[in-house]
C-alpha atoms as a PDB file:
ATOM      1  CA  MET A   1     148.737 167.727  28.663  1.00  0.00           C
ATOM      2  CA  THR A   2     147.403 165.274  31.191  1.00  0.00           C
ATOM      3  CA  SER A   3     146.963 165.917  34.837  1.00  0.00           C
ATOM      4  CA  THR A   4     146.795 163.471  37.677  1.00  0.00           C
ATOM      5  CA  MET A   5     144.453 163.723  40.587  1.00  0.00           C
ATOM      6  CA  THR A   6     145.978 163.336  43.988  1.00  0.00           C
ATOM      7  CA  MET A   7     144.334 160.462  45.838  1.00  0.00           C
ATOM      8  CA  THR A   8     143.685 162.515  48.925  1.00  0.00           C
ATOM      9  CA  PRO A   9     140.263 163.633  50.043  1.00  0.00           C
ATOM     10  CA  ARG A  10     139.687 167.369  50.236  1.00  0.00           C
ATOM     11  CA  MET A  11     138.166 166.946  53.679  1.00  0.00           C
ATOM     12  CA  SER A  12     136.505 164.342  55.838  1.00  0.00           C
ATOM     13  CA  ASN A  13     133.193 163.168  54.479  1.00  0.00           C
ATOM     14  CA  PRO A  14     130.703 165.974  55.237  1.00  0.00           C
ATOM     15  CA  ALA A  15     128.185 163.485  56.629  1.00  0.00           C
ATOM     16  CA  ALA A  16     130.795 162.404  59.163  1.00  0.00           C
ATOM     17  CA  VAL A  17     131.635 165.992  60.124  1.00  0.00           C
ATOM     18  CA  LEU A  18     128.141 167.117  61.118  1.00  0.00           C
ATOM     19  CA  ASP A  19     126.474 165.382  64.054  1.00  0.00           C
ATOM     20  CA  GLY A  20     123.523 163.284  62.998  1.00  0.00           C
ATOM     21  CA  ALA A  21     124.057 163.624  59.245  1.00  0.00           C
ATOM     22  CA  SER A  22     125.372 160.130  58.537  1.00  0.00           C
ATOM     23  CA  SER A  23     122.746 158.466  60.706  1.00  0.00           C
ATOM     24  CA  ALA A  24     120.020 160.430  58.906  1.00  0.00           C
ATOM     25  CA  ILE A  25     121.332 159.386  55.494  1.00  0.00           C
ATOM     26  CA  PHE A  26     121.640 155.751  56.521  1.00  0.00           C
ATOM     27  CA  ALA A  27     118.108 155.911  57.962  1.00  0.00           C
ATOM     28  CA  LEU A  28     116.837 156.932  54.515  1.00  0.00           C
ATOM     29  CA  MET A  29     118.635 153.982  52.933  1.00  0.00           C
ATOM     30  CA  LYS A  30     117.249 151.626  55.577  1.00  0.00           C
ATOM     31  CA  ALA A  31     113.711 152.944  55.070  1.00  0.00           C
ATOM     32  CA  ALA A  32     113.984 152.231  51.352  1.00  0.00           C
ATOM     33  CA  GLN A  33     115.085 148.682  52.127  1.00  0.00           C
ATOM     34  CA  GLN A  34     112.024 148.007  54.313  1.00  0.00           C
ATOM     35  CA  THR A  35     109.740 147.004  51.444  1.00  0.00           C
ATOM     36  CA  ASP A  36     109.430 143.801  49.490  1.00  0.00           C
ATOM     37  CA  LEU A  37     111.363 145.353  46.610  1.00  0.00           C
ATOM     38  CA  ALA A  38     114.148 142.937  45.663  1.00  0.00           C
ATOM     39  CA  HIS A  39     117.414 143.869  47.370  1.00  0.00           C
ATOM     40  CA  ALA A  40     119.274 142.973  44.164  1.00  0.00           C
ATOM     41  CA  THR A  41     117.296 145.641  42.306  1.00  0.00           C
ATOM     42  CA  LEU A  42     118.312 148.285  44.849  1.00  0.00           C
ATOM     43  CA  GLU A  43     121.943 147.177  44.580  1.00  0.00           C
ATOM     44  CA  LEU A  44     121.888 147.439  40.784  1.00  0.00           C
ATOM     45  CA  VAL A  45     120.266 150.876  40.954  1.00  0.00           C
ATOM     46  CA  HIS A  46     122.844 152.112  43.471  1.00  0.00           C
ATOM     47  CA  LEU A  47     125.681 150.901  41.266  1.00  0.00           C
ATOM     48  CA  ARG A  48     124.269 152.411  38.071  1.00  0.00           C
ATOM     49  CA  VAL A  49     123.578 155.805  39.653  1.00  0.00           C
ATOM     50  CA  SER A  50     127.095 155.835  41.111  1.00  0.00           C
ATOM     51  CA  GLN A  51     128.588 154.965  37.717  1.00  0.00           C
ATOM     52  CA  ILE A  52     126.705 157.831  36.068  1.00  0.00           C
ATOM     53  CA  ASN A  53     127.903 160.273  38.716  1.00  0.00           C
ATOM     54  CA  GLY A  54     131.483 159.027  38.612  1.00  0.00           C
ATOM     55  CA  CYS A  55     131.547 158.334  42.345  1.00  0.00           C
ATOM     56  CA  SER A  56     134.425 155.904  42.772  1.00  0.00           C
ATOM     57  CA  ALA A  57     133.737 155.428  46.487  1.00  0.00           C
ATOM     58  CA  CYS A  58     130.116 154.412  45.846  1.00  0.00           C
ATOM     59  CA  VAL A  59     130.947 152.249  42.830  1.00  0.00           C
ATOM     60  CA  ASP A  60     133.502 150.407  44.963  1.00  0.00           C
ATOM     61  CA  ALA A  61     131.151 150.080  47.940  1.00  0.00           C
ATOM     62  CA  GLY A  62     128.225 149.205  45.676  1.00  0.00           C
ATOM     63  CA  VAL A  63     130.051 146.347  43.983  1.00  0.00           C
ATOM     64  CA  LYS A  64     131.162 144.957  47.333  1.00  0.00           C
ATOM     65  CA  SER A  65     127.678 145.246  48.806  1.00  0.00           C
ATOM     66  CA  ALA A  66     126.062 143.659  45.757  1.00  0.00           C
ATOM     67  CA  LYS A  67     128.510 140.754  45.835  1.00  0.00           C
ATOM     68  CA  GLN A  68     127.782 140.213  49.540  1.00  0.00           C
ATOM     69  CA  ALA A  69     124.093 140.086  48.609  1.00  0.00           C
ATOM     70  CA  GLY A  70     124.858 137.342  46.064  1.00  0.00           C
ATOM     71  CA  GLU A  71     125.103 139.381  42.859  1.00  0.00           C
ATOM     72  CA  THR A  72     127.270 137.829  40.128  1.00  0.00           C
ATOM     73  CA  ASP A  73     130.345 139.359  38.538  1.00  0.00           C
ATOM     74  CA  GLU A  74     128.725 138.908  35.138  1.00  0.00           C
ATOM     75  CA  ARG A  75     125.761 141.115  36.041  1.00  0.00           C
ATOM     76  CA  LEU A  76     127.860 143.669  37.929  1.00  0.00           C
ATOM     77  CA  HIS A  77     130.169 144.124  34.937  1.00  0.00           C
ATOM     78  CA  ALA A  78     127.138 144.482  32.681  1.00  0.00           C
ATOM     79  CA  VAL A  79     125.275 147.191  34.631  1.00  0.00           C
ATOM     80  CA  VAL A  80     127.042 149.979  32.744  1.00  0.00           C
ATOM     81  CA  ALA A  81     125.590 148.635  29.487  1.00  0.00           C
ATOM     82  CA  TRP A  82     122.368 147.116  30.841  1.00  0.00           C
ATOM     83  CA  ARG A  83     120.298 147.997  27.759  1.00  0.00           C
ATOM     84  CA  GLU A  84     122.458 145.801  25.529  1.00  0.00           C
ATOM     85  CA  MET A  85     122.917 142.924  27.965  1.00  0.00           C
ATOM     86  CA  PRO A  86     120.657 139.884  28.371  1.00  0.00           C
ATOM     87  CA  TYR A  87     121.273 139.476  32.115  1.00  0.00           C
ATOM     88  CA  PHE A  88     118.513 141.698  33.496  1.00  0.00           C
ATOM     89  CA  THR A  89     114.803 141.156  33.971  1.00  0.00           C
ATOM     90  CA  ASP A  90     112.221 143.554  32.581  1.00  0.00           C
ATOM     91  CA  GLU A  91     111.563 144.698  36.156  1.00  0.00           C
ATOM     92  CA  GLU A  92     115.261 145.470  36.726  1.00  0.00           C
ATOM     93  CA  ARG A  93     115.421 147.278  33.385  1.00  0.00           C
ATOM     94  CA  ALA A  94     112.485 149.478  34.414  1.00  0.00           C
ATOM     95  CA  ALA A  95     114.235 150.285  37.698  1.00  0.00           C
ATOM     96  CA  LEU A  96     117.515 151.072  35.927  1.00  0.00           C
ATOM     97  CA  ALA A  97     115.751 153.328  33.407  1.00  0.00           C
ATOM     98  CA  LEU A  98     114.055 155.196  36.259  1.00  0.00           C
ATOM     99  CA  ALA A  99     117.379 155.484  38.070  1.00  0.00           C
ATOM    100  CA  GLU A 100     119.089 156.947  35.016  1.00  0.00           C
ATOM    101  CA  SER A 101     116.307 159.455  34.357  1.00  0.00           C
ATOM    102  CA  ALA A 102     116.093 160.545  37.991  1.00  0.00           C
ATOM    103  CA  THR A 103     119.867 160.971  38.095  1.00  0.00           C
ATOM    104  CA  ARG A 104     120.217 162.847  34.821  1.00  0.00           C
ATOM    105  CA  LEU A 105     117.512 165.427  35.567  1.00  0.00           C
ATOM    106  CA  ALA A 106     118.965 168.190  33.393  1.00  0.00           C
ATOM    107  CA  ASP A 107     119.546 166.030  30.311  1.00  0.00           C
ATOM    108  CA  ARG A 108     116.023 166.419  28.919  1.00  0.00           C
ATOM    109  CA  PRO A 109     113.070 168.793  29.285  1.00  0.00           C
ATOM    110  CA  ASP A 110     110.897 166.118  30.918  1.00  0.00           C
ATOM    111  CA  ALA A 111     113.444 164.685  33.343  1.00  0.00           C
ATOM    112  CA  VAL A 112     111.494 161.514  34.096  1.00  0.00           C
ATOM    113  CA  SER A 113     109.194 160.889  31.170  1.00  0.00           C
ATOM    114  CA  ASP A 114     105.740 159.390  31.516  1.00  0.00           C
ATOM    115  CA  GLU A 115     106.999 156.408  29.527  1.00  0.00           C
ATOM    116  CA  VAL A 116     109.813 155.696  32.001  1.00  0.00           C
ATOM    117  CA  TRP A 117     107.523 156.263  34.991  1.00  0.00           C
ATOM    118  CA  GLU A 118     104.684 154.123  33.611  1.00  0.00           C
ATOM    119  CA  GLU A 119     107.074 151.281  32.799  1.00  0.00           C
ATOM    120  CA  ALA A 120     108.372 151.310  36.366  1.00  0.00           C
ATOM    121  CA  ALA A 121     104.828 151.599  37.744  1.00  0.00           C
ATOM    122  CA  SER A 122     103.837 148.514  35.744  1.00  0.00           C
ATOM    123  CA  PHE A 123     106.254 146.448  37.850  1.00  0.00           C
ATOM    124  CA  PHE A 124     106.284 148.198  41.219  1.00  0.00           C
ATOM    125  CA  ASP A 125     103.497 149.198  43.610  1.00  0.00           C
ATOM    126  CA  GLU A 126     103.441 152.587  45.341  1.00  0.00           C
ATOM    127  CA  ARG A 127     105.572 151.475  48.325  1.00  0.00           C
ATOM    128  CA  GLN A 128     108.134 149.884  46.033  1.00  0.00           C
ATOM    129  CA  LEU A 129     108.221 152.976  43.811  1.00  0.00           C
ATOM    130  CA  ALA A 130     108.668 155.131  46.910  1.00  0.00           C
ATOM    131  CA  ALA A 131     111.560 152.921  48.016  1.00  0.00           C
ATOM    132  CA  LEU A 132     113.112 153.025  44.569  1.00  0.00           C
ATOM    133  CA  VAL A 133     112.854 156.817  44.247  1.00  0.00           C
ATOM    134  CA  LEU A 134     114.194 157.304  47.785  1.00  0.00           C
ATOM    135  CA  TYR A 135     117.105 154.932  47.127  1.00  0.00           C
ATOM    136  CA  ILE A 136     117.972 156.710  43.878  1.00  0.00           C
ATOM    137  CA  ALA A 137     117.838 160.110  45.583  1.00  0.00           C
ATOM    138  CA  THR A 138     119.913 158.960  48.539  1.00  0.00           C
ATOM    139  CA  THR A 139     122.501 157.381  46.270  1.00  0.00           C
ATOM    140  CA  ASN A 140     122.725 160.682  44.405  1.00  0.00           C
ATOM    141  CA  LEU A 141     123.258 162.420  47.760  1.00  0.00           C
ATOM    142  CA  PHE A 142     126.072 160.017  48.669  1.00  0.00           C
ATOM    143  CA  ASN A 143     127.611 160.500  45.217  1.00  0.00           C
ATOM    144  CA  ARG A 144     127.576 164.277  45.509  1.00  0.00           C
ATOM    145  CA  LEU A 145     129.140 164.256  48.976  1.00  0.00           C
ATOM    146  CA  ASN A 146     131.857 161.831  47.909  1.00  0.00           C
ATOM    147  CA  ALA A 147     132.669 163.279  44.494  1.00  0.00           C
ATOM    148  CA  THR A 148     132.730 166.885  45.690  1.00  0.00           C
ATOM    149  CA  THR A 149     135.131 166.106  48.521  1.00  0.00           C
ATOM    150  CA  ARG A 150     137.063 163.450  46.555  1.00  0.00           C
ATOM    151  CA  GLN A 151     136.477 160.619  48.963  1.00  0.00           C
ATOM    152  CA  ILE A 152     138.715 157.642  48.266  1.00  0.00           C
ATOM    153  CA  ALA A 153     137.264 154.302  47.183  1.00  0.00           C
ATOM    154  CA  GLY A 154     137.700 151.714  49.907  1.00  0.00           C
ATOM    155  CA  ALA A 155     138.452 154.272  52.616  1.00  0.00           C
ATOM    156  CA  SER A 156     136.318 154.511  55.716  1.00  0.00           C
ATOM    157  CA  TRP A 157     134.540 157.732  56.619  1.00  0.00           C
ATOM    158  CA  SER A 158     136.774 159.933  58.671  1.00  0.00           C
END
């Protein structure tokens, strides 16, 4: 027996309901973007984390944002299988591995292994790592707000 999900949010986005919440979340995202870390890397990380969490609103917004930043369809379609695709740099692969580990915290005893961390640290300095970790965490926050309340892809916050 299959069921269909009604395409109606359960409520307005919680960050839009509470005064100051959305501006605080967007301030975190902006802070993470204030380093010399490649914007394309942040876009890829946001998309991959959102795919893992099944957040349709963030996948939709992430693809649109990445395309506006100049990302190609080829690379965007390949993010879900980045390990097997030739389109990503070693630096991007390290960021995507960190993003997956930091998103799937309960999947292994050592959530973010030394190997994953050291690989990322070989490409990124402390400020860039801080930006990357903050961006991953904030994307996970967005995903949890949207998925829990069934926010609709393409809809504006209400």
